[in-house]
Amino acid sequence: MLNNLLIFAVSSLLALATLGLPVPKMHGGKEFRVVVLIALYLTTVLVTLWFFNARSALAILEFSLALSGLSKLIAINFGLVQSARYPKHHRCY
């Protein structure tokens, strides 16, 4: 079993890849990005499963998906707060 620090590091890198993976300038760019992300997650889980055990692979997968979702929510909120088109007094909480 991997230790908790390595699980956190790998999961954080996968979550950062979710936010930072650039969209290529080609037809079907976003679909290609999704395929690359799925391949990255699958490769990471399979390599962890090969070298360690299923508990480590599942922990990395679950934690990276949770961090990805949380970072997407934070990015959406940051985009709303920093946007000039949606002033603060026009939004409904």
C-alpha atoms as a PDB file:
ATOM      1  CA  MET A   1       0.000   0.000   0.000  1.00  0.00           C
ATOM      2  CA  LEU A   2       1.251   3.442  -0.861  1.00  0.00           C
ATOM      3  CA  ASN A   3       1.617   5.872   1.985  1.00  0.00           C
ATOM      4  CA  ASN A   4      -0.844   8.725   2.307  1.00  0.00           C
ATOM      5  CA  LEU A   5       1.553  11.410   1.120  1.00  0.00           C
ATOM      6  CA  LEU A   6       2.179   9.655  -2.201  1.00  0.00           C
ATOM      7  CA  ILE A   7      -1.554   9.046  -2.687  1.00  0.00           C
ATOM      8  CA  PHE A   8      -2.202  12.757  -2.065  1.00  0.00           C
ATOM      9  CA  ALA A   9       0.604  13.799  -4.431  1.00  0.00           C
ATOM     10  CA  VAL A  10      -0.539  11.581  -7.308  1.00  0.00           C
ATOM     11  CA  SER A  11      -4.174  12.576  -6.798  1.00  0.00           C
ATOM     12  CA  SER A  12      -3.262  16.257  -6.733  1.00  0.00           C
ATOM     13  CA  LEU A  13      -1.303  15.912  -9.967  1.00  0.00           C
ATOM     14  CA  LEU A  14      -4.275  14.226 -11.640  1.00  0.00           C
ATOM     15  CA  ALA A  15      -6.581  16.996 -10.405  1.00  0.00           C
ATOM     16  CA  LEU A  16      -4.175  19.626 -11.744  1.00  0.00           C
ATOM     17  CA  ALA A  17      -4.092  17.820 -15.074  1.00  0.00           C
ATOM     18  CA  THR A  18      -7.872  18.087 -15.176  1.00  0.00           C
ATOM     19  CA  LEU A  19      -7.678  21.861 -14.821  1.00  0.00           C
ATOM     20  CA  GLY A  20      -4.509  22.538 -16.764  1.00  0.00           C
ATOM     21  CA  LEU A  21      -4.752  20.252 -19.769  1.00  0.00           C
ATOM     22  CA  PRO A  22      -4.916  22.563 -22.795  1.00  0.00           C
ATOM     23  CA  VAL A  23      -7.665  22.252 -25.391  1.00  0.00           C
ATOM     24  CA  PRO A  24      -6.056  21.638 -28.794  1.00  0.00           C
ATOM     25  CA  LYS A  25      -6.996  23.852 -31.733  1.00  0.00           C
ATOM     26  CA  MET A  26      -8.595  21.151 -33.825  1.00  0.00           C
ATOM     27  CA  HIS A  27     -11.995  19.831 -34.737  1.00  0.00           C
ATOM     28  CA  GLY A  28     -13.422  18.067 -31.708  1.00  0.00           C
ATOM     29  CA  GLY A  29     -10.917  19.665 -29.310  1.00  0.00           C
ATOM     30  CA  LYS A  30     -12.934  19.201 -26.128  1.00  0.00           C
ATOM     31  CA  GLU A  31     -13.778  15.612 -26.943  1.00  0.00           C
ATOM     32  CA  PHE A  32     -10.090  14.890 -27.504  1.00  0.00           C
ATOM     33  CA  ARG A  33      -9.311  16.484 -24.133  1.00  0.00           C
ATOM     34  CA  VAL A  34     -11.828  14.206 -22.413  1.00  0.00           C
ATOM     35  CA  VAL A  35     -10.330  11.147 -24.092  1.00  0.00           C
ATOM     36  CA  VAL A  36      -6.825  12.184 -22.994  1.00  0.00           C
ATOM     37  CA  LEU A  37      -8.014  12.725 -19.410  1.00  0.00           C
ATOM     38  CA  ILE A  38      -9.720   9.339 -19.305  1.00  0.00           C
ATOM     39  CA  ALA A  39      -6.577   7.712 -20.685  1.00  0.00           C
ATOM     40  CA  LEU A  40      -4.449   9.522 -18.085  1.00  0.00           C
ATOM     41  CA  TYR A  41      -6.689   8.396 -15.221  1.00  0.00           C
ATOM     42  CA  LEU A  42      -6.862   4.837 -16.548  1.00  0.00           C
ATOM     43  CA  THR A  43      -3.102   4.630 -17.036  1.00  0.00           C
ATOM     44  CA  THR A  44      -2.443   5.927 -13.533  1.00  0.00           C
ATOM     45  CA  VAL A  45      -4.854   3.463 -11.953  1.00  0.00           C
ATOM     46  CA  LEU A  46      -3.528   0.513 -13.968  1.00  0.00           C
ATOM     47  CA  VAL A  47       0.113   1.318 -13.168  1.00  0.00           C
ATOM     48  CA  THR A  48      -0.746   1.679  -9.474  1.00  0.00           C
ATOM     49  CA  LEU A  49      -2.664  -1.582  -9.608  1.00  0.00           C
ATOM     50  CA  TRP A  50       0.268  -3.321 -11.313  1.00  0.00           C
ATOM     51  CA  PHE A  51       2.956  -2.148  -8.881  1.00  0.00           C
ATOM     52  CA  PHE A  52       0.983  -1.870  -5.646  1.00  0.00           C
ATOM     53  CA  ASN A  53      -2.519  -3.117  -4.855  1.00  0.00           C
ATOM     54  CA  ALA A  54      -6.185  -2.428  -5.537  1.00  0.00           C
ATOM     55  CA  ARG A  55      -6.659  -0.403  -2.371  1.00  0.00           C
ATOM     56  CA  SER A  56      -3.996   2.094  -3.454  1.00  0.00           C
ATOM     57  CA  ALA A  57      -5.408   2.355  -6.972  1.00  0.00           C
ATOM     58  CA  LEU A  58      -8.946   2.902  -5.693  1.00  0.00           C
ATOM     59  CA  ALA A  59      -7.761   5.485  -3.163  1.00  0.00           C
ATOM     60  CA  ILE A  60      -5.925   7.421  -5.866  1.00  0.00           C
ATOM     61  CA  LEU A  61      -8.911   7.271  -8.215  1.00  0.00           C
ATOM     62  CA  GLU A  62     -11.444   8.371  -5.608  1.00  0.00           C
ATOM     63  CA  PHE A  63      -9.304  11.128  -4.145  1.00  0.00           C
ATOM     64  CA  SER A  64      -8.307  12.527  -7.536  1.00  0.00           C
ATOM     65  CA  LEU A  65     -11.928  12.602  -8.713  1.00  0.00           C
ATOM     66  CA  ALA A  66     -12.964  14.377  -5.508  1.00  0.00           C
ATOM     67  CA  LEU A  67     -10.145  16.910  -5.868  1.00  0.00           C
ATOM     68  CA  SER A  68     -11.006  17.430  -9.542  1.00  0.00           C
ATOM     69  CA  GLY A  69     -14.632  18.133  -8.724  1.00  0.00           C
ATOM     70  CA  LEU A  70     -13.704  20.491  -5.912  1.00  0.00           C
ATOM     71  CA  SER A  71     -11.197  22.353  -8.067  1.00  0.00           C
ATOM     72  CA  LYS A  72     -13.741  22.694 -10.893  1.00  0.00           C
ATOM     73  CA  LEU A  73     -16.258  24.208  -8.436  1.00  0.00           C
ATOM     74  CA  ILE A  74     -13.646  26.612  -7.116  1.00  0.00           C
ATOM     75  CA  ALA A  75     -12.666  27.577 -10.678  1.00  0.00           C
ATOM     76  CA  ILE A  76     -16.308  28.224 -11.602  1.00  0.00           C
ATOM     77  CA  ASN A  77     -16.803  30.345  -8.488  1.00  0.00           C
ATOM     78  CA  PHE A  78     -13.585  32.259  -9.160  1.00  0.00           C
ATOM     79  CA  GLY A  79     -14.713  32.890 -12.735  1.00  0.00           C
ATOM     80  CA  LEU A  80     -18.037  34.277 -11.544  1.00  0.00           C
ATOM     81  CA  VAL A  81     -16.457  36.506  -8.924  1.00  0.00           C
ATOM     82  CA  GLN A  82     -13.812  37.883 -11.292  1.00  0.00           C
ATOM     83  CA  SER A  83     -16.169  38.403 -14.228  1.00  0.00           C
ATOM     84  CA  ALA A  84     -17.212  41.941 -15.067  1.00  0.00           C
ATOM     85  CA  ARG A  85     -20.362  40.793 -16.850  1.00  0.00           C
ATOM     86  CA  TYR A  86     -21.942  39.493 -13.666  1.00  0.00           C
ATOM     87  CA  PRO A  87     -21.613  42.112 -10.967  1.00  0.00           C
ATOM     88  CA  LYS A  88     -21.981  40.974  -7.410  1.00  0.00           C
ATOM     89  CA  HIS A  89     -25.285  42.749  -6.743  1.00  0.00           C
ATOM     90  CA  HIS A  90     -26.995  41.066  -9.729  1.00  0.00           C
ATOM     91  CA  ARG A  91     -26.298  37.526  -8.575  1.00  0.00           C
ATOM     92  CA  CYS A  92     -28.639  35.540  -6.420  1.00  0.00           C
ATOM     93  CA  TYR A  93     -27.173  33.468  -3.627  1.00  0.00           C
END
